[in-house]
Amino acid sequence: ATLRGIEGAAAAGLAPVKLNTVLMRGVNDTEAPALLRFAIAHGYQLR
């Protein structure tokens, strides 16, 4: 549902969509590179 919402925002002209990420140790702290690749591929801005 979150990903559909992001896609909908971009389609409605709210580009560039900005993404905010909080990394949690031992939970998602290894995902930073994958999230950045995802953002670049879709034209989103990641923070």
ModelCIF file with pLDDT and N, C-alpha, C, O atoms, coordinates in Angstrom:
data_MODEL
#
_entry.id   MODEL 
#
_entity.id                         1 
_entity.type                       polymer 
_entity.pdbx_number_of_molecules   1 
#
_entity_poly.entity_id                      1 
_entity_poly.type                           'polypeptide(L)' 
_entity_poly.nstd_linkage                   no 
_entity_poly.nstd_monomer                   no 
_entity_poly.pdbx_seq_one_letter_code       ATLRGIEGAAAAGLAPVKLNTVLMRGVNDTEAPALLRFAIAHGYQLR 
_entity_poly.pdbx_seq_one_letter_code_can   ATLRGIEGAAAAGLAPVKLNTVLMRGVNDTEAPALLRFAIAHGYQLR 
_entity_poly.pdbx_strand_id                 A 
#
loop_
_entity_poly_seq.entity_id 
_entity_poly_seq.num 
_entity_poly_seq.mon_id 
_entity_poly_seq.hetero 
1 1  ALA n 
1 2  THR n 
1 3  LEU n 
1 4  ARG n 
1 5  GLY n 
1 6  ILE n 
1 7  GLU n 
1 8  GLY n 
1 9  ALA n 
1 10 ALA n 
1 11 ALA n 
1 12 ALA n 
1 13 GLY n 
1 14 LEU n 
1 15 ALA n 
1 16 PRO n 
1 17 VAL n 
1 18 LYS n 
1 19 LEU n 
1 20 ASN n 
1 21 THR n 
1 22 VAL n 
1 23 LEU n 
1 24 MET n 
1 25 ARG n 
1 26 GLY n 
1 27 VAL n 
1 28 ASN n 
1 29 ASP n 
1 30 THR n 
1 31 GLU n 
1 32 ALA n 
1 33 PRO n 
1 34 ALA n 
1 35 LEU n 
1 36 LEU n 
1 37 ARG n 
1 38 PHE n 
1 39 ALA n 
1 40 ILE n 
1 41 ALA n 
1 42 HIS n 
1 43 GLY n 
1 44 TYR n 
1 45 GLN n 
1 46 LEU n 
1 47 ARG n 
#
_struct_asym.id          A 
_struct_asym.entity_id   1 
#
loop_
_ma_qa_metric.id 
_ma_qa_metric.mode 
_ma_qa_metric.name 
_ma_qa_metric.software_group_id 
_ma_qa_metric.type 
1 global pLDDT . pLDDT 
2 local  pLDDT . pLDDT 
#
_ma_qa_metric_global.metric_id      1 
_ma_qa_metric_global.metric_value   96.04 
_ma_qa_metric_global.model_id       1 
_ma_qa_metric_global.ordinal_id     1 
#
loop_
_ma_qa_metric_local.label_asym_id 
_ma_qa_metric_local.label_comp_id 
_ma_qa_metric_local.label_seq_id 
_ma_qa_metric_local.metric_id 
_ma_qa_metric_local.metric_value 
_ma_qa_metric_local.model_id 
_ma_qa_metric_local.ordinal_id 
A ALA 1  2 97.00 1 1  
A THR 2  2 98.00 1 2  
A LEU 3  2 98.00 1 3  
A ARG 4  2 98.00 1 4  
A GLY 5  2 98.00 1 5  
A ILE 6  2 98.00 1 6  
A GLU 7  2 98.00 1 7  
A GLY 8  2 98.00 1 8  
A ALA 9  2 98.00 1 9  
A ALA 10 2 98.00 1 10 
A ALA 11 2 97.00 1 11 
A ALA 12 2 98.00 1 12 
A GLY 13 2 96.00 1 13 
A LEU 14 2 96.00 1 14 
A ALA 15 2 89.00 1 15 
A PRO 16 2 92.00 1 16 
A VAL 17 2 97.00 1 17 
A LYS 18 2 97.00 1 18 
A LEU 19 2 98.00 1 19 
A ASN 20 2 96.00 1 20 
A THR 21 2 96.00 1 21 
A VAL 22 2 92.00 1 22 
A LEU 23 2 94.00 1 23 
A MET 24 2 88.00 1 24 
A ARG 25 2 90.00 1 25 
A GLY 26 2 90.00 1 26 
A VAL 27 2 90.00 1 27 
A ASN 28 2 94.00 1 28 
A ASP 29 2 95.00 1 29 
A THR 30 2 96.00 1 30 
A GLU 31 2 97.00 1 31 
A ALA 32 2 97.00 1 32 
A PRO 33 2 98.00 1 33 
A ALA 34 2 98.00 1 34 
A LEU 35 2 98.00 1 35 
A LEU 36 2 98.00 1 36 
A ARG 37 2 98.00 1 37 
A PHE 38 2 98.00 1 38 
A ALA 39 2 98.00 1 39 
A ILE 40 2 97.00 1 40 
A ALA 41 2 97.00 1 41 
A HIS 42 2 97.00 1 42 
A GLY 43 2 96.00 1 43 
A TYR 44 2 97.00 1 44 
A GLN 45 2 97.00 1 45 
A LEU 46 2 97.00 1 46 
A ARG 47 2 96.00 1 47 
#
loop_
_atom_site.group_PDB 
_atom_site.id 
_atom_site.type_symbol 
_atom_site.label_atom_id 
_atom_site.label_alt_id 
_atom_site.label_comp_id 
_atom_site.label_asym_id 
_atom_site.label_entity_id 
_atom_site.label_seq_id 
_atom_site.pdbx_PDB_ins_code 
_atom_site.Cartn_x 
_atom_site.Cartn_y 
_atom_site.Cartn_z 
_atom_site.occupancy 
_atom_site.B_iso_or_equiv 
_atom_site.pdbx_formal_charge 
_atom_site.auth_seq_id 
_atom_site.auth_comp_id 
_atom_site.auth_asym_id 
_atom_site.auth_atom_id 
_atom_site.pdbx_PDB_model_num 
ATOM 1   N N  . ALA A 1 1  ? 0.823  -1.202 0.000   1.00 97.00 ? 1  ALA A N  1 
ATOM 2   C CA . ALA A 1 1  ? 0.000  0.000  0.000   1.00 97.00 ? 1  ALA A CA 1 
ATOM 3   C C  . ALA A 1 1  ? 0.862  1.259  0.000   1.00 97.00 ? 1  ALA A C  1 
ATOM 4   O O  . ALA A 1 1  ? 0.537  2.236  -0.674  1.00 97.00 ? 1  ALA A O  1 
ATOM 5   N N  . THR A 1 2  ? 1.960  1.236  0.754   1.00 98.00 ? 2  THR A N  1 
ATOM 6   C CA . THR A 1 2  ? 2.866  2.378  0.770   1.00 98.00 ? 2  THR A CA 1 
ATOM 7   C C  . THR A 1 2  ? 3.487  2.599  -0.604  1.00 98.00 ? 2  THR A C  1 
ATOM 8   O O  . THR A 1 2  ? 3.565  3.732  -1.079  1.00 98.00 ? 2  THR A O  1 
ATOM 9   N N  . LEU A 1 3  ? 3.923  1.528  -1.236  1.00 98.00 ? 3  LEU A N  1 
ATOM 10  C CA . LEU A 1 3  ? 4.537  1.661  -2.561  1.00 98.00 ? 3  LEU A CA 1 
ATOM 11  C C  . LEU A 1 3  ? 3.528  2.162  -3.591  1.00 98.00 ? 3  LEU A C  1 
ATOM 12  O O  . LEU A 1 3  ? 3.880  2.955  -4.465  1.00 98.00 ? 3  LEU A O  1 
ATOM 13  N N  . ARG A 1 4  ? 2.287  1.713  -3.500  1.00 98.00 ? 4  ARG A N  1 
ATOM 14  C CA . ARG A 1 4  ? 1.259  2.227  -4.412  1.00 98.00 ? 4  ARG A CA 1 
ATOM 15  C C  . ARG A 1 4  ? 1.048  3.725  -4.188  1.00 98.00 ? 4  ARG A C  1 
ATOM 16  O O  . ARG A 1 4  ? 0.862  4.484  -5.140  1.00 98.00 ? 4  ARG A O  1 
ATOM 17  N N  . GLY A 1 5  ? 1.078  4.137  -2.935  1.00 98.00 ? 5  GLY A N  1 
ATOM 18  C CA . GLY A 1 5  ? 0.905  5.550  -2.639  1.00 98.00 ? 5  GLY A CA 1 
ATOM 19  C C  . GLY A 1 5  ? 2.032  6.398  -3.190  1.00 98.00 ? 5  GLY A C  1 
ATOM 20  O O  . GLY A 1 5  ? 1.798  7.496  -3.696  1.00 98.00 ? 5  GLY A O  1 
ATOM 21  N N  . ILE A 1 6  ? 3.257  5.895  -3.096  1.00 98.00 ? 6  ILE A N  1 
ATOM 22  C CA . ILE A 1 6  ? 4.407  6.615  -3.647  1.00 98.00 ? 6  ILE A CA 1 
ATOM 23  C C  . ILE A 1 6  ? 4.265  6.751  -5.159  1.00 98.00 ? 6  ILE A C  1 
ATOM 24  O O  . ILE A 1 6  ? 4.493  7.824  -5.718  1.00 98.00 ? 6  ILE A O  1 
ATOM 25  N N  . GLU A 1 7  ? 3.891  5.668  -5.807  1.00 98.00 ? 7  GLU A N  1 
ATOM 26  C CA . GLU A 1 7  ? 3.693  5.697  -7.256  1.00 98.00 ? 7  GLU A CA 1 
ATOM 27  C C  . GLU A 1 7  ? 2.574  6.675  -7.635  1.00 98.00 ? 7  GLU A C  1 
ATOM 28  O O  . GLU A 1 7  ? 2.674  7.403  -8.622  1.00 98.00 ? 7  GLU A O  1 
ATOM 29  N N  . GLY A 1 8  ? 1.513  6.674  -6.832  1.00 98.00 ? 8  GLY A N  1 
ATOM 30  C CA . GLY A 1 8  ? 0.400  7.590  -7.095  1.00 98.00 ? 8  GLY A CA 1 
ATOM 31  C C  . GLY A 1 8  ? 0.795  9.038  -6.942  1.00 98.00 ? 8  GLY A C  1 
ATOM 32  O O  . GLY A 1 8  ? 0.330  9.893  -7.696  1.00 98.00 ? 8  GLY A O  1 
ATOM 33  N N  . ALA A 1 9  ? 1.648  9.327  -5.973  1.00 98.00 ? 9  ALA A N  1 
ATOM 34  C CA . ALA A 1 9  ? 2.111  10.704 -5.772  1.00 98.00 ? 9  ALA A CA 1 
ATOM 35  C C  . ALA A 1 9  ? 2.912  11.174 -6.977  1.00 98.00 ? 9  ALA A C  1 
ATOM 36  O O  . ALA A 1 9  ? 2.712  12.287 -7.465  1.00 98.00 ? 9  ALA A O  1 
ATOM 37  N N  . ALA A 1 10 ? 3.816  10.329 -7.457  1.00 98.00 ? 10 ALA A N  1 
ATOM 38  C CA . ALA A 1 10 ? 4.616  10.700 -8.620  1.00 98.00 ? 10 ALA A CA 1 
ATOM 39  C C  . ALA A 1 10 ? 3.732  10.894 -9.853  1.00 98.00 ? 10 ALA A C  1 
ATOM 40  O O  . ALA A 1 10 ? 3.929  11.833 -10.625 1.00 98.00 ? 10 ALA A O  1 
ATOM 41  N N  . ALA A 1 11 ? 2.761  10.003 -10.030 1.00 97.00 ? 11 ALA A N  1 
ATOM 42  C CA . ALA A 1 11 ? 1.873  10.096 -11.187 1.00 97.00 ? 11 ALA A CA 1 
ATOM 43  C C  . ALA A 1 11 ? 1.012  11.352 -11.146 1.00 97.00 ? 11 ALA A C  1 
ATOM 44  O O  . ALA A 1 11 ? 0.628  11.877 -12.190 1.00 97.00 ? 11 ALA A O  1 
ATOM 45  N N  . ALA A 1 12 ? 0.710  11.831 -9.951  1.00 98.00 ? 12 ALA A N  1 
ATOM 46  C CA . ALA A 1 12 ? -0.123 13.031 -9.811  1.00 98.00 ? 12 ALA A CA 1 
ATOM 47  C C  . ALA A 1 12 ? 0.671  14.316 -9.973  1.00 98.00 ? 12 ALA A C  1 
ATOM 48  O O  . ALA A 1 12 ? 0.101  15.407 -9.945  1.00 98.00 ? 12 ALA A O  1 
ATOM 49  N N  . GLY A 1 13 ? 1.981  14.199 -10.141 1.00 96.00 ? 13 GLY A N  1 
ATOM 50  C CA . GLY A 1 13 ? 2.805  15.382 -10.365 1.00 96.00 ? 13 GLY A CA 1 
ATOM 51  C C  . GLY A 1 13 ? 3.533  15.902 -9.147  1.00 96.00 ? 13 GLY A C  1 
ATOM 52  O O  . GLY A 1 13 ? 4.077  17.005 -9.176  1.00 96.00 ? 13 GLY A O  1 
ATOM 53  N N  . LEU A 1 14 ? 3.553  15.114 -8.059  1.00 96.00 ? 14 LEU A N  1 
ATOM 54  C CA . LEU A 1 14 ? 4.243  15.548 -6.847  1.00 96.00 ? 14 LEU A CA 1 
ATOM 55  C C  . LEU A 1 14 ? 5.720  15.157 -6.889  1.00 96.00 ? 14 LEU A C  1 
ATOM 56  O O  . LEU A 1 14 ? 6.303  14.766 -5.878  1.00 96.00 ? 14 LEU A O  1 
ATOM 57  N N  . ALA A 1 15 ? 6.304  15.268 -8.060  1.00 89.00 ? 15 ALA A N  1 
ATOM 58  C CA . ALA A 1 15 ? 7.707  14.889 -8.238  1.00 89.00 ? 15 ALA A CA 1 
ATOM 59  C C  . ALA A 1 15 ? 8.616  16.095 -7.979  1.00 89.00 ? 15 ALA A C  1 
ATOM 60  O O  . ALA A 1 15 ? 8.221  17.232 -8.240  1.00 89.00 ? 15 ALA A O  1 
ATOM 61  N N  . PRO A 1 16 ? 9.839  15.853 -7.465  1.00 92.00 ? 16 PRO A N  1 
ATOM 62  C CA . PRO A 1 16 ? 10.311 14.534 -7.052  1.00 92.00 ? 16 PRO A CA 1 
ATOM 63  C C  . PRO A 1 16 ? 9.778  14.152 -5.676  1.00 92.00 ? 16 PRO A C  1 
ATOM 64  O O  . PRO A 1 16 ? 9.826  14.943 -4.734  1.00 92.00 ? 16 PRO A O  1 
ATOM 65  N N  . VAL A 1 17 ? 9.274  12.938 -5.578  1.00 97.00 ? 17 VAL A N  1 
ATOM 66  C CA . VAL A 1 17 ? 8.839  12.426 -4.285  1.00 97.00 ? 17 VAL A CA 1 
ATOM 67  C C  . VAL A 1 17 ? 10.070 12.226 -3.403  1.00 97.00 ? 17 VAL A C  1 
ATOM 68  O O  . VAL A 1 17 ? 11.072 11.657 -3.834  1.00 97.00 ? 17 VAL A O  1 
ATOM 69  N N  . LYS A 1 18 ? 9.978  12.704 -2.160  1.00 97.00 ? 18 LYS A N  1 
ATOM 70  C CA . LYS A 1 18 ? 11.078 12.512 -1.217  1.00 97.00 ? 18 LYS A CA 1 
ATOM 71  C C  . LYS A 1 18 ? 10.750 11.349 -0.291  1.00 97.00 ? 18 LYS A C  1 
ATOM 72  O O  . LYS A 1 18 ? 9.633  11.233 0.212   1.00 97.00 ? 18 LYS A O  1 
ATOM 73  N N  . LEU A 1 19 ? 11.738 10.495 -0.077  1.00 98.00 ? 19 LEU A N  1 
ATOM 74  C CA . LEU A 1 19 ? 11.580 9.351  0.807   1.00 98.00 ? 19 LEU A CA 1 
ATOM 75  C C  . LEU A 1 19 ? 12.422 9.568  2.057   1.00 98.00 ? 19 LEU A C  1 
ATOM 76  O O  . LEU A 1 19 ? 13.582 9.971  1.970   1.00 98.00 ? 19 LEU A O  1 
ATOM 77  N N  . ASN A 1 20 ? 11.839 9.303  3.210   1.00 96.00 ? 20 ASN A N  1 
ATOM 78  C CA . ASN A 1 20 ? 12.533 9.406  4.491   1.00 96.00 ? 20 ASN A CA 1 
ATOM 79  C C  . ASN A 1 20 ? 12.710 8.019  5.078   1.00 96.00 ? 20 ASN A C  1 
ATOM 80  O O  . ASN A 1 20 ? 11.750 7.255  5.179   1.00 96.00 ? 20 ASN A O  1 
ATOM 81  N N  . THR A 1 21 ? 13.936 7.689  5.467   1.00 96.00 ? 21 THR A N  1 
ATOM 82  C CA . THR A 1 21 ? 14.237 6.360  6.009   1.00 96.00 ? 21 THR A CA 1 
ATOM 83  C C  . THR A 1 21 ? 14.929 6.476  7.355   1.00 96.00 ? 21 THR A C  1 
ATOM 84  O O  . THR A 1 21 ? 15.892 7.228  7.505   1.00 96.00 ? 21 THR A O  1 
ATOM 85  N N  . VAL A 1 22 ? 14.433 5.723  8.339   1.00 92.00 ? 22 VAL A N  1 
ATOM 86  C CA . VAL A 1 22 ? 15.095 5.575  9.633   1.00 92.00 ? 22 VAL A CA 1 
ATOM 87  C C  . VAL A 1 22 ? 15.644 4.158  9.703   1.00 92.00 ? 22 VAL A C  1 
ATOM 88  O O  . VAL A 1 22 ? 14.894 3.192  9.571   1.00 92.00 ? 22 VAL A O  1 
ATOM 89  N N  . LEU A 1 23 ? 16.939 4.033  9.909   1.00 94.00 ? 23 LEU A N  1 
ATOM 90  C CA . LEU A 1 23 ? 17.556 2.716  10.022  1.00 94.00 ? 23 LEU A CA 1 
ATOM 91  C C  . LEU A 1 23 ? 17.609 2.295  11.486  1.00 94.00 ? 23 LEU A C  1 
ATOM 92  O O  . LEU A 1 23 ? 17.996 3.076  12.354  1.00 94.00 ? 23 LEU A O  1 
ATOM 93  N N  . MET A 1 24 ? 17.218 1.058  11.746  1.00 88.00 ? 24 MET A N  1 
ATOM 94  C CA . MET A 1 24 ? 17.209 0.490  13.099  1.00 88.00 ? 24 MET A CA 1 
ATOM 95  C C  . MET A 1 24 ? 18.232 -0.638 13.156  1.00 88.00 ? 24 MET A C  1 
ATOM 96  O O  . MET A 1 24 ? 18.222 -1.543 12.321  1.00 88.00 ? 24 MET A O  1 
ATOM 97  N N  . ARG A 1 25 ? 19.105 -0.574 14.141  1.00 90.00 ? 25 ARG A N  1 
ATOM 98  C CA . ARG A 1 25 ? 20.161 -1.573 14.244  1.00 90.00 ? 25 ARG A CA 1 
ATOM 99  C C  . ARG A 1 25 ? 19.572 -2.976 14.434  1.00 90.00 ? 25 ARG A C  1 
ATOM 100 O O  . ARG A 1 25 ? 18.725 -3.210 15.297  1.00 90.00 ? 25 ARG A O  1 
ATOM 101 N N  . GLY A 1 26 ? 20.049 -3.887 13.606  1.00 90.00 ? 26 GLY A N  1 
ATOM 102 C CA . GLY A 1 26 ? 19.593 -5.263 13.689  1.00 90.00 ? 26 GLY A CA 1 
ATOM 103 C C  . GLY A 1 26 ? 18.248 -5.511 13.036  1.00 90.00 ? 26 GLY A C  1 
ATOM 104 O O  . GLY A 1 26 ? 17.743 -6.633 13.067  1.00 90.00 ? 26 GLY A O  1 
ATOM 105 N N  . VAL A 1 27 ? 17.658 -4.480 12.445  1.00 90.00 ? 27 VAL A N  1 
ATOM 106 C CA . VAL A 1 27 ? 16.346 -4.639 11.803  1.00 90.00 ? 27 VAL A CA 1 
ATOM 107 C C  . VAL A 1 27 ? 16.446 -4.349 10.308  1.00 90.00 ? 27 VAL A C  1 
ATOM 108 O O  . VAL A 1 27 ? 16.199 -5.230 9.484   1.00 90.00 ? 27 VAL A O  1 
ATOM 109 N N  . ASN A 1 28 ? 16.810 -3.109 9.957   1.00 94.00 ? 28 ASN A N  1 
ATOM 110 C CA . ASN A 1 28 ? 16.902 -2.729 8.545   1.00 94.00 ? 28 ASN A CA 1 
ATOM 111 C C  . ASN A 1 28 ? 18.190 -1.994 8.226   1.00 94.00 ? 28 ASN A C  1 
ATOM 112 O O  . ASN A 1 28 ? 18.281 -1.323 7.197   1.00 94.00 ? 28 ASN A O  1 
ATOM 113 N N  . ASP A 1 29 ? 19.199 -2.110 9.103   1.00 95.00 ? 29 ASP A N  1 
ATOM 114 C CA . ASP A 1 29 ? 20.407 -1.308 8.952   1.00 95.00 ? 29 ASP A CA 1 
ATOM 115 C C  . ASP A 1 29 ? 21.294 -1.742 7.794   1.00 95.00 ? 29 ASP A C  1 
ATOM 116 O O  . ASP A 1 29 ? 22.262 -1.050 7.482   1.00 95.00 ? 29 ASP A O  1 
ATOM 117 N N  . THR A 1 30 ? 20.998 -2.861 7.148   1.00 96.00 ? 30 THR A N  1 
ATOM 118 C CA . THR A 1 30 ? 21.785 -3.286 5.979   1.00 96.00 ? 30 THR A CA 1 
ATOM 119 C C  . THR A 1 30 ? 21.136 -2.864 4.667   1.00 96.00 ? 30 THR A C  1 
ATOM 120 O O  . THR A 1 30 ? 21.663 -3.166 3.596   1.00 96.00 ? 30 THR A O  1 
ATOM 121 N N  . GLU A 1 31 ? 20.012 -2.179 4.730   1.00 97.00 ? 31 GLU A N  1 
ATOM 122 C CA . GLU A 1 31 ? 19.238 -1.910 3.516   1.00 97.00 ? 31 GLU A CA 1 
ATOM 123 C C  . GLU A 1 31 ? 19.541 -0.583 2.837   1.00 97.00 ? 31 GLU A C  1 
ATOM 124 O O  . GLU A 1 31 ? 18.944 -0.279 1.804   1.00 97.00 ? 31 GLU A O  1 
ATOM 125 N N  . ALA A 1 32 ? 20.449 0.214  3.387   1.00 97.00 ? 32 ALA A N  1 
ATOM 126 C CA . ALA A 1 32 ? 20.687 1.544  2.821   1.00 97.00 ? 32 ALA A CA 1 
ATOM 127 C C  . ALA A 1 32 ? 21.025 1.500  1.327   1.00 97.00 ? 32 ALA A C  1 
ATOM 128 O O  . ALA A 1 32 ? 20.412 2.249  0.566   1.00 97.00 ? 32 ALA A O  1 
ATOM 129 N N  . PRO A 1 33 ? 21.964 0.667  0.864   1.00 98.00 ? 33 PRO A N  1 
ATOM 130 C CA . PRO A 1 33 ? 22.269 0.655  -0.566  1.00 98.00 ? 33 PRO A CA 1 
ATOM 131 C C  . PRO A 1 33 ? 21.069 0.263  -1.436  1.00 98.00 ? 33 PRO A C  1 
ATOM 132 O O  . PRO A 1 33 ? 20.840 0.864  -2.486  1.00 98.00 ? 33 PRO A O  1 
ATOM 133 N N  . ALA A 1 34 ? 20.312 -0.739 -1.003  1.00 98.00 ? 34 ALA A N  1 
ATOM 134 C CA . ALA A 1 34 ? 19.155 -1.165 -1.792  1.00 98.00 ? 34 ALA A CA 1 
ATOM 135 C C  . ALA A 1 34 ? 18.113 -0.063 -1.881  1.00 98.00 ? 34 ALA A C  1 
ATOM 136 O O  . ALA A 1 34 ? 17.510 0.136  -2.935  1.00 98.00 ? 34 ALA A O  1 
ATOM 137 N N  . LEU A 1 35 ? 17.897 0.649  -0.795  1.00 98.00 ? 35 LEU A N  1 
ATOM 138 C CA . LEU A 1 35 ? 16.934 1.747  -0.804  1.00 98.00 ? 35 LEU A CA 1 
ATOM 139 C C  . LEU A 1 35 ? 17.398 2.867  -1.734  1.00 98.00 ? 35 LEU A C  1 
ATOM 140 O O  . LEU A 1 35 ? 16.584 3.472  -2.432  1.00 98.00 ? 35 LEU A O  1 
ATOM 141 N N  . LEU A 1 36 ? 18.685 3.140  -1.747  1.00 98.00 ? 36 LEU A N  1 
ATOM 142 C CA . LEU A 1 36 ? 19.190 4.184  -2.634  1.00 98.00 ? 36 LEU A CA 1 
ATOM 143 C C  . LEU A 1 36 ? 19.065 3.763  -4.093  1.00 98.00 ? 36 LEU A C  1 
ATOM 144 O O  . LEU A 1 36 ? 18.696 4.577  -4.938  1.00 98.00 ? 36 LEU A O  1 
ATOM 145 N N  . ARG A 1 37 ? 19.366 2.510  -4.398  1.00 98.00 ? 37 ARG A N  1 
ATOM 146 C CA . ARG A 1 37 ? 19.186 2.035  -5.777  1.00 98.00 ? 37 ARG A CA 1 
ATOM 147 C C  . ARG A 1 37 ? 17.724 2.163  -6.196  1.00 98.00 ? 37 ARG A C  1 
ATOM 148 O O  . ARG A 1 37 ? 17.432 2.592  -7.312  1.00 98.00 ? 37 ARG A O  1 
ATOM 149 N N  . PHE A 1 38 ? 16.814 1.794  -5.311  1.00 98.00 ? 38 PHE A N  1 
ATOM 150 C CA . PHE A 1 38 ? 15.382 1.911  -5.593  1.00 98.00 ? 38 PHE A CA 1 
ATOM 151 C C  . PHE A 1 38 ? 14.998 3.352  -5.882  1.00 98.00 ? 38 PHE A C  1 
ATOM 152 O O  . PHE A 1 38 ? 14.291 3.627  -6.851  1.00 98.00 ? 38 PHE A O  1 
ATOM 153 N N  . ALA A 1 39 ? 15.462 4.275  -5.044  1.00 98.00 ? 39 ALA A N  1 
ATOM 154 C CA . ALA A 1 39 ? 15.115 5.685  -5.215  1.00 98.00 ? 39 ALA A CA 1 
ATOM 155 C C  . ALA A 1 39 ? 15.642 6.229  -6.535  1.00 98.00 ? 39 ALA A C  1 
ATOM 156 O O  . ALA A 1 39 ? 14.927 6.927  -7.253  1.00 98.00 ? 39 ALA A O  1 
ATOM 157 N N  . ILE A 1 40 ? 16.879 5.912  -6.852  1.00 97.00 ? 40 ILE A N  1 
ATOM 158 C CA . ILE A 1 40 ? 17.465 6.413  -8.102  1.00 97.00 ? 40 ILE A CA 1 
ATOM 159 C C  . ILE A 1 40 ? 16.727 5.847  -9.308  1.00 97.00 ? 40 ILE A C  1 
ATOM 160 O O  . ILE A 1 40 ? 16.465 6.566  -10.272 1.00 97.00 ? 40 ILE A O  1 
ATOM 161 N N  . ALA A 1 41 ? 16.395 4.574  -9.258  1.00 97.00 ? 41 ALA A N  1 
ATOM 162 C CA . ALA A 1 41 ? 15.714 3.933  -10.395 1.00 97.00 ? 41 ALA A CA 1 
ATOM 163 C C  . ALA A 1 41 ? 14.363 4.563  -10.684 1.00 97.00 ? 41 ALA A C  1 
ATOM 164 O O  . ALA A 1 41 ? 13.928 4.582  -11.836 1.00 97.00 ? 41 ALA A O  1 
ATOM 165 N N  . HIS A 1 42 ? 13.686 5.085  -9.652  1.00 97.00 ? 42 HIS A N  1 
ATOM 166 C CA . HIS A 1 42 ? 12.344 5.632  -9.829  1.00 97.00 ? 42 HIS A CA 1 
ATOM 167 C C  . HIS A 1 42 ? 12.317 7.164  -9.827  1.00 97.00 ? 42 HIS A C  1 
ATOM 168 O O  . HIS A 1 42 ? 11.249 7.761  -9.959  1.00 97.00 ? 42 HIS A O  1 
ATOM 169 N N  . GLY A 1 43 ? 13.471 7.796  -9.678  1.00 96.00 ? 43 GLY A N  1 
ATOM 170 C CA . GLY A 1 43 ? 13.507 9.253  -9.680  1.00 96.00 ? 43 GLY A CA 1 
ATOM 171 C C  . GLY A 1 43 ? 13.062 9.881  -8.376  1.00 96.00 ? 43 GLY A C  1 
ATOM 172 O O  . GLY A 1 43 ? 12.661 11.045 -8.354  1.00 96.00 ? 43 GLY A O  1 
ATOM 173 N N  . TYR A 1 44 ? 13.126 9.125  -7.284  1.00 97.00 ? 44 TYR A N  1 
ATOM 174 C CA . TYR A 1 44 ? 12.779 9.659  -5.966  1.00 97.00 ? 44 TYR A CA 1 
ATOM 175 C C  . TYR A 1 44 ? 14.030 10.221 -5.291  1.00 97.00 ? 44 TYR A C  1 
ATOM 176 O O  . TYR A 1 44 ? 15.149 9.875  -5.670  1.00 97.00 ? 44 TYR A O  1 
ATOM 177 N N  . GLN A 1 45 ? 13.846 11.073 -4.308  1.00 97.00 ? 45 GLN A N  1 
ATOM 178 C CA . GLN A 1 45 ? 14.957 11.620 -3.537  1.00 97.00 ? 45 GLN A CA 1 
ATOM 179 C C  . GLN A 1 45 ? 14.944 10.996 -2.143  1.00 97.00 ? 45 GLN A C  1 
ATOM 180 O O  . GLN A 1 45 ? 13.958 11.102 -1.414  1.00 97.00 ? 45 GLN A O  1 
ATOM 181 N N  . LEU A 1 46 ? 16.043 10.348 -1.783  1.00 97.00 ? 46 LEU A N  1 
ATOM 182 C CA . LEU A 1 46 ? 16.110 9.603  -0.536  1.00 97.00 ? 46 LEU A CA 1 
ATOM 183 C C  . LEU A 1 46 ? 16.902 10.371 0.519   1.00 97.00 ? 46 LEU A C  1 
ATOM 184 O O  . LEU A 1 46 ? 17.954 10.946 0.243   1.00 97.00 ? 46 LEU A O  1 
ATOM 185 N N  . ARG A 1 47 ? 16.358 10.360 1.743   1.00 96.00 ? 47 ARG A N  1 
ATOM 186 C CA . ARG A 1 47 ? 17.052 10.963 2.879   1.00 96.00 ? 47 ARG A CA 1 
ATOM 187 C C  . ARG A 1 47 ? 16.992 9.978  4.044   1.00 96.00 ? 47 ARG A C  1 
ATOM 188 O O  . ARG A 1 47 ? 17.513 10.265 5.122   1.00 96.00 ? 47 ARG A O  1 
#
